[in-house]
Amino acid sequence: MTATIDHLVYLCPDLGPAVEHIAAQTGVRPAFGGQHPGLGTHNALLSLASRTYLEIIAPDPAQPRPAELPFGLAAVTQPGLRAWALAPDDLDTAVRRAASAGFGYPAIVSRRRRSPDGRELTWRMTTYPQPSGNAVIPFLIDWGGSEHPAAAAPAGLSLDRFLLRSPEPGRLAALLRSLGLDLNVESASRPEITAVLRAPQGQRLALGG
């Protein structure tokens, strides 16, 4: 089994200011991705590679707010990189392997959103109770026959560095290996996700929680 980093999830209370900040820091403006119907969120995207992207996600004021927003967004007051997605080559097998490694994803759900040009994107993904703070354990995603969001998102940035820290680094690294990603995890008193993005002119933008 193999897996790749699918996307990084940058949470913010308001989409517009976060987009402006990242555009000012990198010279590349994130593009509006679309609304997540029924989830109460909307997003903007930046490509980091052919199948890796940055998702900037916030509550959507144009939708009724559900009882619970994804990723604990209702409690977010400052932008931060607090979750990430892994794309295994077989989602169902990956879920079984994760269970064997001691982590059970409660469910696989189907999601959808419509892009600004009217295309509907559909995908399958795992869910699990998101802890407060940084979710260093990734959720898993499979885009099926949909075009990968990185293909249509503004390009120019690359993922220069990606680092996970955890109070249980060995357990997390073992889980990732079982899913097909060999990634070093550093020991820390609390979970933390850090990424460094390289911009077209060589400048770097560090994102953390």
N, C-alpha and C. Protein backbone atom coordinates (compact mmCIF):
# COMPACT_ATOMS: atom_id res chain seq x y z
N MET A 1 0.84 -1.20 0.00
CA MET A 1 0.00 0.00 0.00
C MET A 1 0.87 1.25 0.00
N THR A 2 0.46 2.23 -0.75
CA THR A 2 1.13 3.53 -0.76
C THR A 2 0.11 4.62 -0.45
N ALA A 3 0.61 5.75 0.01
CA ALA A 3 -0.27 6.88 0.32
C ALA A 3 0.51 8.16 0.14
N THR A 4 -0.21 9.24 -0.14
CA THR A 4 0.41 10.55 -0.30
C THR A 4 -0.35 11.57 0.56
N ILE A 5 0.35 12.65 0.88
CA ILE A 5 -0.32 13.76 1.57
C ILE A 5 -1.29 14.39 0.57
N ASP A 6 -2.58 14.33 0.87
CA ASP A 6 -3.58 14.86 -0.06
C ASP A 6 -3.77 16.36 0.13
N HIS A 7 -4.06 16.78 1.34
CA HIS A 7 -4.15 18.22 1.57
C HIS A 7 -3.97 18.56 3.04
N LEU A 8 -3.60 19.83 3.25
CA LEU A 8 -3.42 20.39 4.56
C LEU A 8 -4.62 21.29 4.84
N VAL A 9 -5.11 21.26 6.07
CA VAL A 9 -6.35 21.98 6.41
C VAL A 9 -6.02 23.16 7.32
N TYR A 10 -6.18 24.35 6.78
CA TYR A 10 -5.89 25.59 7.48
C TYR A 10 -7.22 26.20 7.91
N LEU A 11 -7.49 26.16 9.21
CA LEU A 11 -8.76 26.63 9.74
C LEU A 11 -8.71 28.13 10.01
N CYS A 12 -9.82 28.80 9.77
CA CYS A 12 -9.88 30.23 10.08
C CYS A 12 -11.33 30.62 10.37
N PRO A 13 -11.54 31.66 11.15
CA PRO A 13 -12.90 32.09 11.47
C PRO A 13 -13.58 32.83 10.32
N ASP A 14 -12.78 33.39 9.40
CA ASP A 14 -13.32 34.20 8.29
C ASP A 14 -12.45 33.96 7.07
N LEU A 15 -13.05 33.50 5.99
CA LEU A 15 -12.28 33.08 4.82
C LEU A 15 -11.54 34.24 4.16
N GLY A 16 -12.20 35.38 3.99
CA GLY A 16 -11.63 36.49 3.25
C GLY A 16 -10.29 36.98 3.79
N PRO A 17 -10.19 37.33 5.07
CA PRO A 17 -8.91 37.81 5.59
C PRO A 17 -7.79 36.77 5.50
N ALA A 18 -8.12 35.49 5.67
CA ALA A 18 -7.09 34.45 5.58
C ALA A 18 -6.56 34.35 4.15
N VAL A 19 -7.45 34.44 3.18
CA VAL A 19 -7.02 34.42 1.77
C VAL A 19 -6.12 35.60 1.48
N GLU A 20 -6.50 36.79 1.95
CA GLU A 20 -5.69 37.99 1.70
C GLU A 20 -4.31 37.87 2.35
N HIS A 21 -4.26 37.32 3.55
CA HIS A 21 -2.98 37.18 4.25
C HIS A 21 -2.04 36.25 3.49
N ILE A 22 -2.54 35.09 3.07
CA ILE A 22 -1.69 34.13 2.37
C ILE A 22 -1.27 34.67 1.01
N ALA A 23 -2.17 35.37 0.33
CA ALA A 23 -1.82 35.97 -0.96
C ALA A 23 -0.71 37.01 -0.79
N ALA A 24 -0.80 37.82 0.26
CA ALA A 24 0.21 38.86 0.49
C ALA A 24 1.56 38.25 0.84
N GLN A 25 1.56 37.12 1.54
CA GLN A 25 2.80 36.51 1.99
C GLN A 25 3.48 35.69 0.89
N THR A 26 2.71 35.19 -0.08
CA THR A 26 3.27 34.27 -1.07
C THR A 26 3.27 34.80 -2.50
N GLY A 27 2.44 35.79 -2.78
CA GLY A 27 2.30 36.25 -4.16
C GLY A 27 1.38 35.39 -4.99
N VAL A 28 0.76 34.39 -4.39
CA VAL A 28 -0.20 33.52 -5.09
C VAL A 28 -1.52 33.60 -4.34
N ARG A 29 -2.58 33.96 -5.05
CA ARG A 29 -3.88 34.14 -4.40
C ARG A 29 -4.68 32.84 -4.40
N PRO A 30 -5.09 32.37 -3.24
CA PRO A 30 -5.96 31.19 -3.21
C PRO A 30 -7.26 31.46 -3.96
N ALA A 31 -7.76 30.43 -4.63
CA ALA A 31 -9.02 30.55 -5.38
C ALA A 31 -10.16 29.95 -4.58
N PHE A 32 -11.32 30.58 -4.68
CA PHE A 32 -12.51 30.06 -4.00
C PHE A 32 -12.79 28.66 -4.52
N GLY A 33 -12.94 27.72 -3.58
CA GLY A 33 -13.20 26.34 -3.97
C GLY A 33 -14.68 26.04 -4.09
N GLY A 34 -15.46 26.46 -3.10
CA GLY A 34 -16.89 26.23 -3.13
C GLY A 34 -17.44 26.04 -1.74
N GLN A 35 -18.74 25.78 -1.69
CA GLN A 35 -19.43 25.54 -0.43
C GLN A 35 -19.54 24.04 -0.18
N HIS A 36 -19.62 23.67 1.10
CA HIS A 36 -19.89 22.30 1.49
C HIS A 36 -21.35 22.25 1.97
N PRO A 37 -22.26 21.84 1.10
CA PRO A 37 -23.68 21.89 1.45
C PRO A 37 -24.00 21.07 2.70
N GLY A 38 -24.71 21.70 3.62
CA GLY A 38 -25.14 21.03 4.83
C GLY A 38 -24.11 21.00 5.93
N LEU A 39 -22.85 21.31 5.61
CA LEU A 39 -21.80 21.29 6.63
C LEU A 39 -21.53 22.67 7.20
N GLY A 40 -22.05 23.71 6.51
CA GLY A 40 -21.89 25.06 7.03
C GLY A 40 -20.52 25.67 6.80
N THR A 41 -19.78 25.16 5.81
CA THR A 41 -18.43 25.68 5.55
C THR A 41 -18.23 25.99 4.07
N HIS A 42 -17.19 26.79 3.80
CA HIS A 42 -16.73 27.02 2.44
C HIS A 42 -15.21 27.12 2.48
N ASN A 43 -14.58 27.06 1.29
CA ASN A 43 -13.12 27.00 1.31
C ASN A 43 -12.49 27.73 0.14
N ALA A 44 -11.18 27.88 0.23
CA ALA A 44 -10.34 28.39 -0.85
C ALA A 44 -9.13 27.47 -0.92
N LEU A 45 -8.53 27.37 -2.13
CA LEU A 45 -7.51 26.34 -2.36
C LEU A 45 -6.26 26.91 -3.02
N LEU A 46 -5.13 26.27 -2.73
CA LEU A 46 -3.86 26.52 -3.40
C LEU A 46 -3.21 25.18 -3.71
N SER A 47 -2.73 24.99 -4.93
CA SER A 47 -2.04 23.75 -5.28
C SER A 47 -0.62 23.78 -4.71
N LEU A 48 -0.19 22.61 -4.19
CA LEU A 48 1.18 22.45 -3.69
C LEU A 48 1.95 21.42 -4.50
N ALA A 49 1.24 20.60 -5.27
CA ALA A 49 1.82 19.57 -6.14
C ALA A 49 0.69 19.04 -6.99
N SER A 50 0.97 18.04 -7.83
CA SER A 50 -0.06 17.56 -8.74
C SER A 50 -1.27 16.98 -8.01
N ARG A 51 -1.04 16.41 -6.82
CA ARG A 51 -2.15 15.83 -6.05
C ARG A 51 -2.06 16.20 -4.57
N THR A 52 -1.57 17.40 -4.30
CA THR A 52 -1.49 17.91 -2.93
C THR A 52 -1.87 19.38 -2.95
N TYR A 53 -2.67 19.81 -1.97
CA TYR A 53 -3.08 21.21 -1.95
C TYR A 53 -3.30 21.69 -0.52
N LEU A 54 -3.38 23.00 -0.40
CA LEU A 54 -3.73 23.65 0.86
C LEU A 54 -5.20 24.04 0.81
N GLU A 55 -5.96 23.61 1.80
CA GLU A 55 -7.36 24.00 1.93
C GLU A 55 -7.49 25.02 3.06
N ILE A 56 -8.01 26.18 2.74
CA ILE A 56 -8.33 27.20 3.73
C ILE A 56 -9.84 27.11 3.94
N ILE A 57 -10.27 26.80 5.14
CA ILE A 57 -11.68 26.52 5.37
C ILE A 57 -12.21 27.35 6.53
N ALA A 58 -13.45 27.81 6.39
CA ALA A 58 -14.06 28.69 7.39
C ALA A 58 -15.56 28.46 7.43
N PRO A 59 -16.24 28.89 8.47
CA PRO A 59 -17.70 28.86 8.47
C PRO A 59 -18.23 29.70 7.31
N ASP A 60 -19.31 29.22 6.72
CA ASP A 60 -19.91 29.90 5.56
C ASP A 60 -21.13 30.69 6.03
N PRO A 61 -21.07 32.02 6.02
CA PRO A 61 -22.20 32.81 6.50
C PRO A 61 -23.44 32.69 5.62
N ALA A 62 -23.29 32.15 4.40
CA ALA A 62 -24.44 32.01 3.50
C ALA A 62 -25.23 30.73 3.77
N GLN A 63 -24.74 29.88 4.67
CA GLN A 63 -25.44 28.64 4.98
C GLN A 63 -25.95 28.67 6.42
N PRO A 64 -27.05 27.97 6.68
CA PRO A 64 -27.46 27.80 8.08
C PRO A 64 -26.37 27.05 8.83
N ARG A 65 -26.08 27.49 10.03
CA ARG A 65 -25.02 26.82 10.79
C ARG A 65 -25.55 25.53 11.41
N PRO A 66 -24.89 24.41 11.14
CA PRO A 66 -25.33 23.15 11.74
C PRO A 66 -24.97 23.11 13.23
N ALA A 67 -25.44 22.07 13.90
CA ALA A 67 -25.18 21.95 15.33
C ALA A 67 -23.69 21.83 15.61
N GLU A 68 -22.95 21.22 14.68
CA GLU A 68 -21.51 21.06 14.87
C GLU A 68 -20.80 21.30 13.55
N LEU A 69 -19.84 22.21 13.54
CA LEU A 69 -19.04 22.48 12.35
C LEU A 69 -17.87 21.51 12.28
N PRO A 70 -17.42 21.14 11.07
CA PRO A 70 -16.25 20.27 10.95
C PRO A 70 -15.01 20.87 11.59
N PHE A 71 -14.13 20.01 12.07
CA PHE A 71 -12.82 20.40 12.62
C PHE A 71 -12.91 21.31 13.84
N GLY A 72 -14.07 21.36 14.48
CA GLY A 72 -14.21 22.25 15.63
C GLY A 72 -14.14 23.71 15.26
N LEU A 73 -14.56 24.06 14.04
CA LEU A 73 -14.43 25.43 13.55
C LEU A 73 -15.18 26.45 14.39
N ALA A 74 -16.23 26.03 15.06
CA ALA A 74 -17.01 26.98 15.85
C ALA A 74 -16.17 27.62 16.96
N ALA A 75 -15.13 26.92 17.41
CA ALA A 75 -14.31 27.43 18.49
C ALA A 75 -13.03 28.12 18.00
N VAL A 76 -12.83 28.16 16.68
CA VAL A 76 -11.59 28.73 16.13
C VAL A 76 -11.68 30.26 16.11
N THR A 77 -10.73 30.90 16.75
CA THR A 77 -10.68 32.37 16.74
C THR A 77 -9.46 32.91 16.01
N GLN A 78 -8.43 32.07 15.83
CA GLN A 78 -7.22 32.46 15.12
C GLN A 78 -6.91 31.42 14.05
N PRO A 79 -6.48 31.85 12.84
CA PRO A 79 -6.14 30.88 11.80
C PRO A 79 -5.02 29.95 12.23
N GLY A 80 -5.06 28.72 11.73
CA GLY A 80 -3.99 27.78 12.06
C GLY A 80 -4.11 26.49 11.25
N LEU A 81 -2.97 25.83 11.09
CA LEU A 81 -2.92 24.55 10.40
C LEU A 81 -3.19 23.46 11.43
N ARG A 82 -4.37 22.85 11.37
CA ARG A 82 -4.78 21.99 12.47
C ARG A 82 -5.30 20.63 12.06
N ALA A 83 -5.23 20.28 10.78
CA ALA A 83 -5.63 18.95 10.34
C ALA A 83 -5.00 18.68 8.98
N TRP A 84 -5.02 17.41 8.57
CA TRP A 84 -4.49 17.06 7.26
C TRP A 84 -5.12 15.76 6.79
N ALA A 85 -5.06 15.55 5.48
CA ALA A 85 -5.66 14.37 4.86
C ALA A 85 -4.61 13.56 4.14
N LEU A 86 -4.76 12.25 4.24
CA LEU A 86 -3.89 11.30 3.57
C LEU A 86 -4.70 10.56 2.52
N ALA A 87 -4.13 10.38 1.33
CA ALA A 87 -4.82 9.67 0.25
C ALA A 87 -4.15 8.32 0.03
N PRO A 88 -4.72 7.24 0.55
CA PRO A 88 -4.18 5.90 0.29
C PRO A 88 -4.65 5.40 -1.07
N ASP A 89 -3.94 4.40 -1.61
CA ASP A 89 -4.38 3.88 -2.90
C ASP A 89 -5.62 2.99 -2.78
N ASP A 90 -6.00 2.60 -1.57
CA ASP A 90 -7.23 1.83 -1.35
C ASP A 90 -7.79 2.24 0.00
N LEU A 91 -8.84 3.04 -0.01
CA LEU A 91 -9.37 3.60 1.23
C LEU A 91 -9.87 2.52 2.19
N ASP A 92 -10.60 1.55 1.69
CA ASP A 92 -11.18 0.53 2.57
C ASP A 92 -10.09 -0.33 3.22
N THR A 93 -9.07 -0.69 2.42
CA THR A 93 -7.95 -1.45 2.98
C THR A 93 -7.20 -0.62 4.01
N ALA A 94 -7.04 0.67 3.74
CA ALA A 94 -6.33 1.55 4.67
C ALA A 94 -7.05 1.62 6.01
N VAL A 95 -8.37 1.67 5.99
CA VAL A 95 -9.14 1.72 7.24
C VAL A 95 -8.91 0.44 8.04
N ARG A 96 -8.88 -0.70 7.36
CA ARG A 96 -8.63 -1.97 8.06
C ARG A 96 -7.22 -2.00 8.64
N ARG A 97 -6.24 -1.49 7.89
CA ARG A 97 -4.87 -1.47 8.38
C ARG A 97 -4.74 -0.54 9.59
N ALA A 98 -5.43 0.59 9.54
CA ALA A 98 -5.39 1.51 10.67
C ALA A 98 -5.94 0.84 11.93
N ALA A 99 -7.02 0.07 11.77
CA ALA A 99 -7.60 -0.64 12.91
C ALA A 99 -6.60 -1.64 13.48
N SER A 100 -5.86 -2.32 12.61
CA SER A 100 -4.85 -3.27 13.07
C SER A 100 -3.72 -2.58 13.80
N ALA A 101 -3.46 -1.31 13.44
CA ALA A 101 -2.41 -0.53 14.09
C ALA A 101 -2.90 0.17 15.35
N GLY A 102 -4.17 -0.06 15.70
CA GLY A 102 -4.68 0.47 16.95
C GLY A 102 -5.49 1.74 16.85
N PHE A 103 -5.84 2.15 15.61
CA PHE A 103 -6.68 3.34 15.47
C PHE A 103 -7.87 3.01 14.59
N GLY A 104 -9.07 3.18 15.13
CA GLY A 104 -10.28 2.87 14.37
C GLY A 104 -10.98 4.12 13.89
N TYR A 105 -11.09 4.25 12.58
CA TYR A 105 -11.91 5.34 12.02
C TYR A 105 -13.37 4.93 12.12
N PRO A 106 -14.22 5.75 12.76
CA PRO A 106 -15.60 5.33 13.00
C PRO A 106 -16.41 5.06 11.75
N ALA A 107 -16.18 5.82 10.67
CA ALA A 107 -17.06 5.65 9.50
C ALA A 107 -16.37 6.19 8.25
N ILE A 108 -16.85 5.72 7.11
CA ILE A 108 -16.51 6.30 5.81
C ILE A 108 -17.77 6.98 5.29
N VAL A 109 -17.66 8.24 4.93
CA VAL A 109 -18.83 9.01 4.48
C VAL A 109 -18.57 9.55 3.07
N SER A 110 -19.63 9.87 2.38
CA SER A 110 -19.54 10.50 1.07
C SER A 110 -19.82 11.98 1.20
N ARG A 111 -19.05 12.79 0.52
CA ARG A 111 -19.21 14.24 0.56
C ARG A 111 -19.25 14.78 -0.86
N ARG A 112 -19.66 16.05 -0.98
CA ARG A 112 -19.71 16.69 -2.30
C ARG A 112 -19.62 18.20 -2.13
N ARG A 113 -19.18 18.86 -3.17
CA ARG A 113 -19.29 20.31 -3.26
C ARG A 113 -19.29 20.68 -4.74
N ARG A 114 -19.81 21.84 -5.03
CA ARG A 114 -19.84 22.32 -6.41
C ARG A 114 -18.80 23.42 -6.58
N SER A 115 -17.98 23.30 -7.59
CA SER A 115 -16.94 24.30 -7.85
C SER A 115 -17.57 25.55 -8.43
N PRO A 116 -16.85 26.69 -8.42
CA PRO A 116 -17.42 27.93 -8.96
C PRO A 116 -17.84 27.82 -10.42
N ASP A 117 -17.20 26.92 -11.19
CA ASP A 117 -17.60 26.79 -12.60
C ASP A 117 -18.71 25.77 -12.80
N GLY A 118 -19.30 25.29 -11.71
CA GLY A 118 -20.47 24.43 -11.81
C GLY A 118 -20.20 22.94 -11.75
N ARG A 119 -18.94 22.53 -11.73
CA ARG A 119 -18.63 21.10 -11.65
C ARG A 119 -18.89 20.58 -10.24
N GLU A 120 -19.45 19.39 -10.16
CA GLU A 120 -19.65 18.78 -8.85
C GLU A 120 -18.52 17.81 -8.56
N LEU A 121 -17.88 18.00 -7.41
CA LEU A 121 -16.84 17.10 -6.96
C LEU A 121 -17.42 16.20 -5.87
N THR A 122 -17.14 14.92 -5.95
CA THR A 122 -17.58 13.98 -4.94
C THR A 122 -16.38 13.20 -4.43
N TRP A 123 -16.44 12.80 -3.18
CA TRP A 123 -15.34 12.04 -2.62
C TRP A 123 -15.84 11.20 -1.44
N ARG A 124 -15.03 10.23 -1.06
CA ARG A 124 -15.26 9.44 0.15
C ARG A 124 -14.15 9.77 1.14
N MET A 125 -14.51 9.81 2.40
CA MET A 125 -13.51 10.12 3.41
C MET A 125 -13.89 9.49 4.74
N THR A 126 -12.89 9.33 5.59
CA THR A 126 -13.17 8.85 6.93
C THR A 126 -13.52 10.02 7.83
N THR A 127 -14.20 9.71 8.89
CA THR A 127 -14.43 10.69 9.94
C THR A 127 -13.93 10.09 11.25
N TYR A 128 -13.60 10.96 12.19
CA TYR A 128 -13.33 10.54 13.57
C TYR A 128 -13.48 11.76 14.44
N PRO A 129 -13.75 11.56 15.72
CA PRO A 129 -13.94 12.72 16.59
C PRO A 129 -12.68 13.57 16.62
N GLN A 130 -12.78 14.80 16.15
CA GLN A 130 -11.63 15.68 16.13
C GLN A 130 -11.34 16.18 17.54
N PRO A 131 -10.12 15.99 18.04
CA PRO A 131 -9.79 16.54 19.35
C PRO A 131 -9.65 18.05 19.26
N SER A 132 -9.74 18.69 20.41
CA SER A 132 -9.48 20.12 20.40
C SER A 132 -8.00 20.33 20.11
N GLY A 133 -7.67 21.39 19.42
CA GLY A 133 -6.28 21.62 19.07
C GLY A 133 -5.93 21.02 17.72
N ASN A 134 -4.77 20.39 17.64
CA ASN A 134 -4.26 19.92 16.36
C ASN A 134 -4.52 18.43 16.17
N ALA A 135 -5.11 18.07 15.04
CA ALA A 135 -5.41 16.68 14.73
C ALA A 135 -4.25 16.10 13.92
N VAL A 136 -3.23 15.61 14.61
CA VAL A 136 -2.05 15.10 13.90
C VAL A 136 -2.32 13.76 13.23
N ILE A 137 -3.32 13.03 13.70
CA ILE A 137 -3.72 11.79 13.02
C ILE A 137 -4.55 12.19 11.81
N PRO A 138 -4.15 11.79 10.61
CA PRO A 138 -4.86 12.27 9.42
C PRO A 138 -6.21 11.59 9.23
N PHE A 139 -7.12 12.28 8.58
CA PHE A 139 -8.27 11.58 8.03
C PHE A 139 -7.89 11.09 6.64
N LEU A 140 -8.61 10.12 6.13
CA LEU A 140 -8.28 9.48 4.86
C LEU A 140 -9.30 9.88 3.81
N ILE A 141 -8.86 10.00 2.56
CA ILE A 141 -9.74 10.51 1.51
C ILE A 141 -9.49 9.80 0.19
N ASP A 142 -10.56 9.65 -0.58
CA ASP A 142 -10.50 9.03 -1.90
C ASP A 142 -11.38 9.85 -2.84
N TRP A 143 -10.76 10.44 -3.88
CA TRP A 143 -11.51 11.30 -4.80
C TRP A 143 -12.21 10.53 -5.90
N GLY A 144 -12.00 9.23 -5.99
CA GLY A 144 -12.69 8.43 -6.99
C GLY A 144 -12.47 8.97 -8.39
N GLY A 145 -13.55 9.19 -9.11
CA GLY A 145 -13.45 9.68 -10.48
C GLY A 145 -13.46 11.18 -10.62
N SER A 146 -13.56 11.91 -9.51
CA SER A 146 -13.57 13.37 -9.58
C SER A 146 -12.17 13.92 -9.90
N GLU A 147 -12.13 15.05 -10.56
CA GLU A 147 -10.85 15.73 -10.78
C GLU A 147 -10.28 16.13 -9.42
N HIS A 148 -8.97 15.89 -9.25
CA HIS A 148 -8.37 16.25 -7.97
C HIS A 148 -8.33 17.77 -7.84
N PRO A 149 -8.70 18.31 -6.67
CA PRO A 149 -8.74 19.77 -6.51
C PRO A 149 -7.43 20.47 -6.81
N ALA A 150 -6.30 19.79 -6.60
CA ALA A 150 -5.00 20.42 -6.88
C ALA A 150 -4.84 20.76 -8.35
N ALA A 151 -5.54 20.04 -9.21
CA ALA A 151 -5.38 20.26 -10.65
C ALA A 151 -5.96 21.60 -11.09
N ALA A 152 -6.98 22.08 -10.39
CA ALA A 152 -7.64 23.33 -10.78
C ALA A 152 -7.26 24.51 -9.89
N ALA A 153 -6.57 24.25 -8.78
CA ALA A 153 -6.21 25.32 -7.85
C ALA A 153 -5.01 26.11 -8.36
N PRO A 154 -4.88 27.37 -7.98
CA PRO A 154 -3.73 28.18 -8.41
C PRO A 154 -2.41 27.51 -8.03
N ALA A 155 -1.49 27.47 -8.97
CA ALA A 155 -0.21 26.80 -8.77
C ALA A 155 0.89 27.83 -8.49
N GLY A 156 2.06 27.32 -8.12
CA GLY A 156 3.21 28.17 -7.88
C GLY A 156 3.87 27.89 -6.55
N LEU A 157 3.10 27.40 -5.58
CA LEU A 157 3.65 27.06 -4.28
C LEU A 157 4.04 25.58 -4.24
N SER A 158 4.96 25.24 -3.36
CA SER A 158 5.31 23.85 -3.13
C SER A 158 5.44 23.61 -1.64
N LEU A 159 5.28 22.36 -1.25
CA LEU A 159 5.39 21.99 0.15
C LEU A 159 6.86 21.72 0.44
N ASP A 160 7.51 22.67 1.10
CA ASP A 160 8.95 22.59 1.35
C ASP A 160 9.26 21.71 2.55
N ARG A 161 8.36 21.73 3.53
CA ARG A 161 8.59 20.94 4.75
C ARG A 161 7.26 20.64 5.40
N PHE A 162 7.14 19.42 5.93
CA PHE A 162 5.93 19.02 6.65
C PHE A 162 6.37 18.24 7.88
N LEU A 163 5.92 18.67 9.05
CA LEU A 163 6.39 18.08 10.29
C LEU A 163 5.24 17.85 11.24
N LEU A 164 5.24 16.67 11.86
CA LEU A 164 4.27 16.33 12.88
C LEU A 164 5.00 16.16 14.21
N ARG A 165 4.39 16.65 15.28
CA ARG A 165 4.89 16.42 16.63
C ARG A 165 3.75 15.82 17.45
N SER A 166 4.11 14.90 18.34
CA SER A 166 3.08 14.20 19.10
C SER A 166 3.64 13.71 20.43
N PRO A 167 2.79 13.64 21.46
CA PRO A 167 3.22 13.03 22.71
C PRO A 167 3.49 11.52 22.55
N GLU A 168 2.94 10.93 21.47
CA GLU A 168 3.15 9.51 21.18
C GLU A 168 3.71 9.36 19.77
N PRO A 169 4.93 9.81 19.55
CA PRO A 169 5.47 9.81 18.18
C PRO A 169 5.60 8.42 17.57
N GLY A 170 5.99 7.43 18.37
CA GLY A 170 6.14 6.08 17.84
C GLY A 170 4.82 5.50 17.37
N ARG A 171 3.75 5.72 18.12
CA ARG A 171 2.43 5.20 17.75
C ARG A 171 1.94 5.86 16.46
N LEU A 172 2.12 7.17 16.37
CA LEU A 172 1.67 7.88 15.17
C LEU A 172 2.48 7.46 13.95
N ALA A 173 3.81 7.35 14.10
CA ALA A 173 4.65 6.93 12.97
C ALA A 173 4.29 5.52 12.51
N ALA A 174 3.97 4.63 13.46
CA ALA A 174 3.58 3.26 13.11
C ALA A 174 2.27 3.25 12.33
N LEU A 175 1.32 4.09 12.76
CA LEU A 175 0.06 4.19 12.03
C LEU A 175 0.30 4.66 10.60
N LEU A 176 1.12 5.69 10.43
CA LEU A 176 1.38 6.21 9.08
C LEU A 176 2.06 5.16 8.21
N ARG A 177 2.99 4.42 8.78
CA ARG A 177 3.65 3.36 8.00
C ARG A 177 2.66 2.30 7.57
N SER A 178 1.71 1.98 8.44
CA SER A 178 0.70 0.97 8.07
C SER A 178 -0.17 1.44 6.92
N LEU A 179 -0.27 2.77 6.77
CA LEU A 179 -1.09 3.35 5.71
C LEU A 179 -0.28 3.62 4.43
N GLY A 180 1.04 3.44 4.50
CA GLY A 180 1.87 3.60 3.31
C GLY A 180 2.65 4.88 3.24
N LEU A 181 2.80 5.59 4.37
CA LEU A 181 3.57 6.82 4.38
C LEU A 181 4.62 6.75 5.49
N ASP A 182 5.89 6.80 5.09
CA ASP A 182 6.98 6.76 6.05
C ASP A 182 7.37 8.20 6.38
N LEU A 183 6.97 8.66 7.55
CA LEU A 183 7.17 10.06 7.91
C LEU A 183 7.70 10.14 9.33
N ASN A 184 8.76 10.88 9.52
CA ASN A 184 9.31 11.05 10.86
C ASN A 184 8.37 11.90 11.71
N VAL A 185 8.16 11.49 12.95
CA VAL A 185 7.32 12.22 13.88
C VAL A 185 8.17 12.57 15.10
N GLU A 186 8.19 13.84 15.45
CA GLU A 186 8.97 14.28 16.59
C GLU A 186 8.16 14.21 17.89
N SER A 187 8.87 14.02 18.98
CA SER A 187 8.23 13.98 20.28
C SER A 187 7.98 15.40 20.79
N ALA A 188 6.80 15.62 21.37
CA ALA A 188 6.44 16.93 21.92
C ALA A 188 5.39 16.73 22.99
N SER A 189 5.22 17.74 23.82
CA SER A 189 4.25 17.64 24.91
C SER A 189 2.81 17.75 24.41
N ARG A 190 2.64 18.34 23.25
CA ARG A 190 1.28 18.44 22.69
C ARG A 190 1.35 18.23 21.18
N PRO A 191 0.26 17.78 20.56
CA PRO A 191 0.26 17.57 19.11
C PRO A 191 0.45 18.89 18.37
N GLU A 192 1.18 18.82 17.26
CA GLU A 192 1.42 20.03 16.47
C GLU A 192 1.68 19.65 15.01
N ILE A 193 1.10 20.42 14.11
CA ILE A 193 1.32 20.27 12.67
C ILE A 193 2.01 21.53 12.17
N THR A 194 3.10 21.36 11.45
CA THR A 194 3.81 22.51 10.88
C THR A 194 4.11 22.24 9.42
N ALA A 195 3.91 23.23 8.58
CA ALA A 195 4.26 23.13 7.16
C ALA A 195 4.96 24.41 6.74
N VAL A 196 5.92 24.26 5.86
CA VAL A 196 6.58 25.42 5.25
C VAL A 196 6.32 25.37 3.76
N LEU A 197 5.72 26.44 3.23
CA LEU A 197 5.42 26.53 1.81
C LEU A 197 6.46 27.41 1.14
N ARG A 198 6.94 26.96 -0.02
CA ARG A 198 7.88 27.77 -0.79
C ARG A 198 7.13 28.48 -1.90
N ALA A 199 7.31 29.78 -1.97
CA ALA A 199 6.63 30.62 -2.96
C ALA A 199 7.48 30.78 -4.21
N PRO A 200 6.89 31.27 -5.31
CA PRO A 200 7.60 31.35 -6.59
C PRO A 200 8.91 32.13 -6.54
N GLN A 201 8.99 33.18 -5.76
CA GLN A 201 10.20 33.99 -5.70
C GLN A 201 11.17 33.52 -4.62
N GLY A 202 10.90 32.33 -4.06
CA GLY A 202 11.81 31.75 -3.08
C GLY A 202 11.45 32.03 -1.64
N GLN A 203 10.51 32.95 -1.39
CA GLN A 203 10.12 33.23 -0.02
C GLN A 203 9.37 32.02 0.56
N ARG A 204 9.44 31.88 1.87
CA ARG A 204 8.79 30.75 2.54
C ARG A 204 7.75 31.26 3.52
N LEU A 205 6.66 30.51 3.60
CA LEU A 205 5.59 30.82 4.54
C LEU A 205 5.42 29.64 5.48
N ALA A 206 5.62 29.86 6.76
CA ALA A 206 5.46 28.81 7.77
C ALA A 206 4.03 28.85 8.31
N LEU A 207 3.40 27.69 8.32
CA LEU A 207 2.06 27.57 8.85
C LEU A 207 2.09 26.57 10.00
N GLY A 208 1.42 26.93 11.09
CA GLY A 208 1.35 26.04 12.23
C GLY A 208 0.04 26.23 12.95
N GLY A 209 -0.07 25.56 14.09
CA GLY A 209 -1.32 25.63 14.84
C GLY A 209 -1.31 26.70 15.89
